[in-house]
Amino acid sequence: MTEPEACGDEFDKAEIADRRFIVAGRQTPRVFHFVETSLDEIPQSVDKIIDRLRVFAVLAESVRSSV
């Protein structure tokens, strides 16, 4: 294992960085598509739960009013 240099902030040579423009909104990787698809399913699941709770609340109110 190499030991850290005492003056690590000083360099002997420069390095040219590769510069390219980033174009947003192009073809996204497949992974993002799967994540987006799974996130789209969450509101649908919540809507189903809310609909079931509404039905349960109506049934509970009708039982309560008939007693």
PDB file of N, CA and C in Angstrom:
ATOM      1  N   MET A   1       0.846  -1.168   0.000  1.00  0.00           N
ATOM      2  CA  MET A   1       0.000   0.000   0.000  1.00  0.00           C
ATOM      3  C   MET A   1       0.897   1.238   0.000  1.00  0.00           C
ATOM      4  N   THR A   2       0.544   2.216  -0.810  1.00  0.00           N
ATOM      5  CA  THR A   2       1.382   3.409  -0.903  1.00  0.00           C
ATOM      6  C   THR A   2       1.043   4.376   0.219  1.00  0.00           C
ATOM      7  N   GLU A   3       2.056   5.088   0.631  1.00  0.00           N
ATOM      8  CA  GLU A   3       1.900   6.082   1.690  1.00  0.00           C
ATOM      9  C   GLU A   3       1.483   7.420   1.078  1.00  0.00           C
ATOM     10  N   PRO A   4       0.667   8.207   1.775  1.00  0.00           N
ATOM     11  CA  PRO A   4       0.287   9.517   1.242  1.00  0.00           C
ATOM     12  C   PRO A   4       1.487  10.448   1.193  1.00  0.00           C
ATOM     13  N   GLU A   5       1.480  11.334   0.211  1.00  0.00           N
ATOM     14  CA  GLU A   5       2.557  12.295   0.073  1.00  0.00           C
ATOM     15  C   GLU A   5       2.360  13.435   1.066  1.00  0.00           C
ATOM     16  N   ALA A   6       3.487  14.001   1.531  1.00  0.00           N
ATOM     17  CA  ALA A   6       3.408  15.092   2.505  1.00  0.00           C
ATOM     18  C   ALA A   6       2.773  16.335   1.885  1.00  0.00           C
ATOM     19  N   CYS A   7       3.096  16.617   0.627  1.00  0.00           N
ATOM     20  CA  CYS A   7       2.543  17.784  -0.062  1.00  0.00           C
ATOM     21  C   CYS A   7       1.662  17.296  -1.216  1.00  0.00           C
ATOM     22  N   GLY A   8       0.553  16.704  -0.886  1.00  0.00           N
ATOM     23  CA  GLY A   8      -0.325  16.141  -1.903  1.00  0.00           C
ATOM     24  C   GLY A   8      -1.021  17.181  -2.754  1.00  0.00           C
ATOM     25  N   ASP A   9      -1.011  18.444  -2.314  1.00  0.00           N
ATOM     26  CA  ASP A   9      -1.699  19.477  -3.083  1.00  0.00           C
ATOM     27  C   ASP A   9      -0.805  20.083  -4.157  1.00  0.00           C
ATOM     28  N   GLU A  10       0.433  19.666  -4.243  1.00  0.00           N
ATOM     29  CA  GLU A  10       1.346  20.183  -5.250  1.00  0.00           C
ATOM     30  C   GLU A  10       1.550  19.119  -6.332  1.00  0.00           C
ATOM     31  N   PHE A  11       1.394  19.527  -7.597  1.00  0.00           N
ATOM     32  CA  PHE A  11       1.525  18.589  -8.698  1.00  0.00           C
ATOM     33  C   PHE A  11       2.721  18.950  -9.553  1.00  0.00           C
ATOM     34  N   ASP A  12       3.341  17.940 -10.133  1.00  0.00           N
ATOM     35  CA  ASP A  12       4.474  18.160 -11.022  1.00  0.00           C
ATOM     36  C   ASP A  12       4.034  18.357 -12.469  1.00  0.00           C
ATOM     37  N   LYS A  13       2.883  17.829 -12.846  1.00  0.00           N
ATOM     38  CA  LYS A  13       2.448  17.945 -14.235  1.00  0.00           C
ATOM     39  C   LYS A  13       0.940  18.221 -14.290  1.00  0.00           C
ATOM     40  N   ALA A  14       0.532  18.842 -15.367  1.00  0.00           N
ATOM     41  CA  ALA A  14      -0.873  19.184 -15.554  1.00  0.00           C
ATOM     42  C   ALA A  14      -1.552  18.100 -16.378  1.00  0.00           C
ATOM     43  N   GLU A  15      -2.860  18.045 -16.270  1.00  0.00           N
ATOM     44  CA  GLU A  15      -3.633  17.063 -17.018  1.00  0.00           C
ATOM     45  C   GLU A  15      -4.764  17.792 -17.752  1.00  0.00           C
ATOM     46  N   ILE A  16      -4.933  17.479 -19.023  1.00  0.00           N
ATOM     47  CA  ILE A  16      -5.998  18.109 -19.812  1.00  0.00           C
ATOM     48  C   ILE A  16      -7.267  17.292 -19.617  1.00  0.00           C
ATOM     49  N   ALA A  17      -8.314  17.990 -19.229  1.00  0.00           N
ATOM     50  CA  ALA A  17      -9.585  17.312 -19.003  1.00  0.00           C
ATOM     51  C   ALA A  17     -10.351  17.199 -20.314  1.00  0.00           C
ATOM     52  N   ASP A  18     -11.077  16.110 -20.455  1.00  0.00           N
ATOM     53  CA  ASP A  18     -11.915  15.898 -21.625  1.00  0.00           C
ATOM     54  C   ASP A  18     -13.232  16.631 -21.407  1.00  0.00           C
ATOM     55  N   ARG A  19     -13.555  17.565 -22.299  1.00  0.00           N
ATOM     56  CA  ARG A  19     -14.772  18.360 -22.138  1.00  0.00           C
ATOM     57  C   ARG A  19     -15.760  18.017 -23.243  1.00  0.00           C
ATOM     58  N   ARG A  20     -16.987  17.746 -22.813  1.00  0.00           N
ATOM     59  CA  ARG A  20     -18.060  17.477 -23.757  1.00  0.00           C
ATOM     60  C   ARG A  20     -19.333  18.117 -23.230  1.00  0.00           C
ATOM     61  N   PHE A  21     -20.195  18.516 -24.150  1.00  0.00           N
ATOM     62  CA  PHE A  21     -21.480  19.066 -23.753  1.00  0.00           C
ATOM     63  C   PHE A  21     -22.417  17.940 -23.342  1.00  0.00           C
ATOM     64  N   ILE A  22     -23.218  18.221 -22.345  1.00  0.00           N
ATOM     65  CA  ILE A  22     -24.229  17.266 -21.906  1.00  0.00           C
ATOM     66  C   ILE A  22     -25.567  17.718 -22.462  1.00  0.00           C
ATOM     67  N   VAL A  23     -26.225  16.832 -23.178  1.00  0.00           N
ATOM     68  CA  VAL A  23     -27.520  17.157 -23.760  1.00  0.00           C
ATOM     69  C   VAL A  23     -28.586  16.461 -22.933  1.00  0.00           C
ATOM     70  N   ALA A  24     -29.365  17.247 -22.216  1.00  0.00           N
ATOM     71  CA  ALA A  24     -30.411  16.684 -21.374  1.00  0.00           C
ATOM     72  C   ALA A  24     -31.626  16.321 -22.217  1.00  0.00           C
ATOM     73  N   GLY A  25     -32.351  15.337 -21.761  1.00  0.00           N
ATOM     74  CA  GLY A  25     -33.588  14.961 -22.421  1.00  0.00           C
ATOM     75  C   GLY A  25     -33.408  13.999 -23.582  1.00  0.00           C
ATOM     76  N   ARG A  26     -32.265  13.467 -23.734  1.00  0.00           N
ATOM     77  CA  ARG A  26     -32.035  12.489 -24.792  1.00  0.00           C
ATOM     78  C   ARG A  26     -32.504  11.125 -24.318  1.00  0.00           C
ATOM     79  N   GLN A  27     -32.017  10.086 -24.928  1.00  0.00           N
ATOM     80  CA  GLN A  27     -32.435   8.728 -24.569  1.00  0.00           C
ATOM     81  C   GLN A  27     -31.949   8.397 -23.163  1.00  0.00           C
ATOM     82  N   THR A  28     -32.903   8.111 -22.285  1.00  0.00           N
ATOM     83  CA  THR A  28     -32.535   7.773 -20.909  1.00  0.00           C
ATOM     84  C   THR A  28     -32.225   6.283 -20.819  1.00  0.00           C
ATOM     85  N   PRO A  29     -31.393   5.907 -19.899  1.00  0.00           N
ATOM     86  CA  PRO A  29     -31.080   4.492 -19.733  1.00  0.00           C
ATOM     87  C   PRO A  29     -32.314   3.695 -19.331  1.00  0.00           C
ATOM     88  N   ARG A  30     -32.275   2.426 -19.595  1.00  0.00           N
ATOM     89  CA  ARG A  30     -33.404   1.549 -19.285  1.00  0.00           C
ATOM     90  C   ARG A  30     -33.704   1.516 -17.791  1.00  0.00           C
ATOM     91  N   VAL A  31     -32.681   1.676 -16.982  1.00  0.00           N
ATOM     92  CA  VAL A  31     -32.881   1.644 -15.531  1.00  0.00           C
ATOM     93  C   VAL A  31     -33.834   2.751 -15.105  1.00  0.00           C
ATOM     94  N   PHE A  32     -33.660   3.931 -15.667  1.00  0.00           N
ATOM     95  CA  PHE A  32     -34.549   5.032 -15.317  1.00  0.00           C
ATOM     96  C   PHE A  32     -35.976   4.741 -15.746  1.00  0.00           C
ATOM     97  N   HIS A  33     -36.139   4.062 -16.856  1.00  0.00           N
ATOM     98  CA  HIS A  33     -37.483   3.711 -17.317  1.00  0.00           C
ATOM     99  C   HIS A  33     -38.168   2.788 -16.314  1.00  0.00           C
ATOM    100  N   PHE A  34     -37.437   1.802 -15.799  1.00  0.00           N
ATOM    101  CA  PHE A  34     -38.020   0.884 -14.817  1.00  0.00           C
ATOM    102  C   PHE A  34     -38.361   1.604 -13.523  1.00  0.00           C
ATOM    103  N   VAL A  35     -37.515   2.517 -13.094  1.00  0.00           N
ATOM    104  CA  VAL A  35     -37.782   3.287 -11.878  1.00  0.00           C
ATOM    105  C   VAL A  35     -39.008   4.160 -12.082  1.00  0.00           C
ATOM    106  N   GLU A  36     -39.100   4.812 -13.225  1.00  0.00           N
ATOM    107  CA  GLU A  36     -40.246   5.676 -13.510  1.00  0.00           C
ATOM    108  C   GLU A  36     -41.534   4.858 -13.551  1.00  0.00           C
ATOM    109  N   THR A  37     -41.476   3.675 -14.144  1.00  0.00           N
ATOM    110  CA  THR A  37     -42.649   2.819 -14.215  1.00  0.00           C
ATOM    111  C   THR A  37     -43.100   2.407 -12.820  1.00  0.00           C
ATOM    112  N   SER A  38     -42.166   2.040 -11.970  1.00  0.00           N
ATOM    113  CA  SER A  38     -42.540   1.627 -10.617  1.00  0.00           C
ATOM    114  C   SER A  38     -43.077   2.802  -9.810  1.00  0.00           C
ATOM    115  N   LEU A  39     -42.556   4.004 -10.033  1.00  0.00           N
ATOM    116  CA  LEU A  39     -43.075   5.173  -9.327  1.00  0.00           C
ATOM    117  C   LEU A  39     -44.465   5.559  -9.829  1.00  0.00           C
ATOM    118  N   ASP A  40     -44.760   5.279 -11.094  1.00  0.00           N
ATOM    119  CA  ASP A  40     -46.094   5.554 -11.623  1.00  0.00           C
ATOM    120  C   ASP A  40     -47.146   4.652 -11.000  1.00  0.00           C
ATOM    121  N   GLU A  41     -46.745   3.474 -10.542  1.00  0.00           N
ATOM    122  CA  GLU A  41     -47.688   2.527  -9.957  1.00  0.00           C
ATOM    123  C   GLU A  41     -48.095   2.910  -8.536  1.00  0.00           C
ATOM    124  N   ILE A  42     -47.305   3.694  -7.847  1.00  0.00           N
ATOM    125  CA  ILE A  42     -47.603   4.060  -6.457  1.00  0.00           C
ATOM    126  C   ILE A  42     -48.899   4.855  -6.341  1.00  0.00           C
ATOM    127  N   PRO A  43     -49.122   5.916  -7.114  1.00  0.00           N
ATOM    128  CA  PRO A  43     -50.402   6.636  -6.987  1.00  0.00           C
ATOM    129  C   PRO A  43     -51.613   5.768  -7.302  1.00  0.00           C
ATOM    130  N   GLN A  44     -51.463   4.840  -8.243  1.00  0.00           N
ATOM    131  CA  GLN A  44     -52.567   3.946  -8.565  1.00  0.00           C
ATOM    132  C   GLN A  44     -52.904   3.065  -7.372  1.00  0.00           C
ATOM    133  N   SER A  45     -51.891   2.574  -6.668  1.00  0.00           N
ATOM    134  CA  SER A  45     -52.125   1.751  -5.484  1.00  0.00           C
ATOM    135  C   SER A  45     -52.786   2.563  -4.380  1.00  0.00           C
ATOM    136  N   VAL A  46     -52.364   3.795  -4.215  1.00  0.00           N
ATOM    137  CA  VAL A  46     -52.954   4.665  -3.192  1.00  0.00           C
ATOM    138  C   VAL A  46     -54.410   4.944  -3.523  1.00  0.00           C
ATOM    139  N   ASP A  47     -54.719   5.170  -4.797  1.00  0.00           N
ATOM    140  CA  ASP A  47     -56.106   5.400  -5.210  1.00  0.00           C
ATOM    141  C   ASP A  47     -56.990   4.201  -4.882  1.00  0.00           C
ATOM    142  N   LYS A  48     -56.477   3.003  -5.107  1.00  0.00           N
ATOM    143  CA  LYS A  48     -57.250   1.790  -4.794  1.00  0.00           C
ATOM    144  C   LYS A  48     -57.515   1.690  -3.297  1.00  0.00           C
ATOM    145  N   ILE A  49     -56.518   1.999  -2.481  1.00  0.00           N
ATOM    146  CA  ILE A  49     -56.683   1.944  -1.026  1.00  0.00           C
ATOM    147  C   ILE A  49     -57.717   2.967  -0.576  1.00  0.00           C
ATOM    148  N   ILE A  50     -57.664   4.162  -1.125  1.00  0.00           N
ATOM    149  CA  ILE A  50     -58.612   5.219  -0.752  1.00  0.00           C
ATOM    150  C   ILE A  50     -60.030   4.814  -1.156  1.00  0.00           C
ATOM    151  N   ASP A  51     -60.187   4.239  -2.335  1.00  0.00           N
ATOM    152  CA  ASP A  51     -61.514   3.788  -2.766  1.00  0.00           C
ATOM    153  C   ASP A  51     -62.069   2.731  -1.823  1.00  0.00           C
ATOM    154  N   ARG A  52     -61.228   1.801  -1.398  1.00  0.00           N
ATOM    155  CA  ARG A  52     -61.677   0.755  -0.460  1.00  0.00           C
ATOM    156  C   ARG A  52     -62.048   1.359   0.892  1.00  0.00           C
ATOM    157  N   LEU A  53     -61.287   2.333   1.352  1.00  0.00           N
ATOM    158  CA  LEU A  53     -61.603   2.978   2.630  1.00  0.00           C
ATOM    159  C   LEU A  53     -62.912   3.763   2.546  1.00  0.00           C
ATOM    160  N   ARG A  54     -63.181   4.368   1.414  1.00  0.00           N
ATOM    161  CA  ARG A  54     -64.455   5.083   1.239  1.00  0.00           C
ATOM    162  C   ARG A  54     -65.625   4.116   1.312  1.00  0.00           C
ATOM    163  N   VAL A  55     -65.507   2.973   0.638  1.00  0.00           N
ATOM    164  CA  VAL A  55     -66.572   1.965   0.681  1.00  0.00           C
ATOM    165  C   VAL A  55     -66.766   1.481   2.112  1.00  0.00           C
ATOM    166  N   PHE A  56     -65.687   1.227   2.808  1.00  0.00           N
ATOM    167  CA  PHE A  56     -65.765   0.773   4.196  1.00  0.00           C
ATOM    168  C   PHE A  56     -66.431   1.836   5.068  1.00  0.00           C
ATOM    169  N   ALA A  57     -66.112   3.099   4.856  1.00  0.00           N
ATOM    170  CA  ALA A  57     -66.696   4.183   5.646  1.00  0.00           C
ATOM    171  C   ALA A  57     -68.195   4.289   5.388  1.00  0.00           C
ATOM    172  N   VAL A  58     -68.611   4.132   4.138  1.00  0.00           N
ATOM    173  CA  VAL A  58     -70.042   4.186   3.811  1.00  0.00           C
ATOM    174  C   VAL A  58     -70.770   3.012   4.448  1.00  0.00           C
ATOM    175  N   LEU A  59     -70.187   1.824   4.383  1.00  0.00           N
ATOM    176  CA  LEU A  59     -70.817   0.653   5.000  1.00  0.00           C
ATOM    177  C   LEU A  59     -70.890   0.803   6.513  1.00  0.00           C
ATOM    178  N   ALA A  60     -69.833   1.300   7.123  1.00  0.00           N
ATOM    179  CA  ALA A  60     -69.825   1.486   8.575  1.00  0.00           C
ATOM    180  C   ALA A  60     -70.871   2.519   8.985  1.00  0.00           C
ATOM    181  N   GLU A  61     -71.026   3.578   8.217  1.00  0.00           N
ATOM    182  CA  GLU A  61     -72.027   4.616   8.523  1.00  0.00           C
ATOM    183  C   GLU A  61     -73.443   4.050   8.378  1.00  0.00           C
ATOM    184  N   SER A  62     -73.681   3.229   7.371  1.00  0.00           N
ATOM    185  CA  SER A  62     -75.007   2.655   7.184  1.00  0.00           C
ATOM    186  C   SER A  62     -75.333   1.669   8.305  1.00  0.00           C
ATOM    187  N   VAL A  63     -74.358   0.928   8.792  1.00  0.00           N
ATOM    188  CA  VAL A  63     -74.580   0.024   9.923  1.00  0.00           C
ATOM    189  C   VAL A  63     -74.838   0.832  11.182  1.00  0.00           C
ATOM    190  N   ARG A  64     -74.100   1.888  11.386  1.00  0.00           N
ATOM    191  CA  ARG A  64     -74.234   2.725  12.567  1.00  0.00           C
ATOM    192  C   ARG A  64     -75.616   3.415  12.594  1.00  0.00           C
ATOM    193  N   SER A  65     -76.085   3.861  11.457  1.00  0.00           N
ATOM    194  CA  SER A  65     -77.371   4.548  11.410  1.00  0.00           C
ATOM    195  C   SER A  65     -78.558   3.590  11.543  1.00  0.00           C
ATOM    196  N   SER A  66     -78.358   2.314  11.203  1.00  0.00           N
ATOM    197  CA  SER A  66     -79.446   1.348  11.319  1.00  0.00           C
ATOM    198  C   SER A  66     -79.584   0.785  12.723  1.00  0.00           C
ATOM    199  N   VAL A  67     -78.600   0.988  13.583  1.00  0.00           N
ATOM    200  CA  VAL A  67     -78.647   0.458  14.948  1.00  0.00           C
ATOM    201  C   VAL A  67     -79.351   1.388  15.875  1.00  0.00           C
TER     202      VAL A  67
END
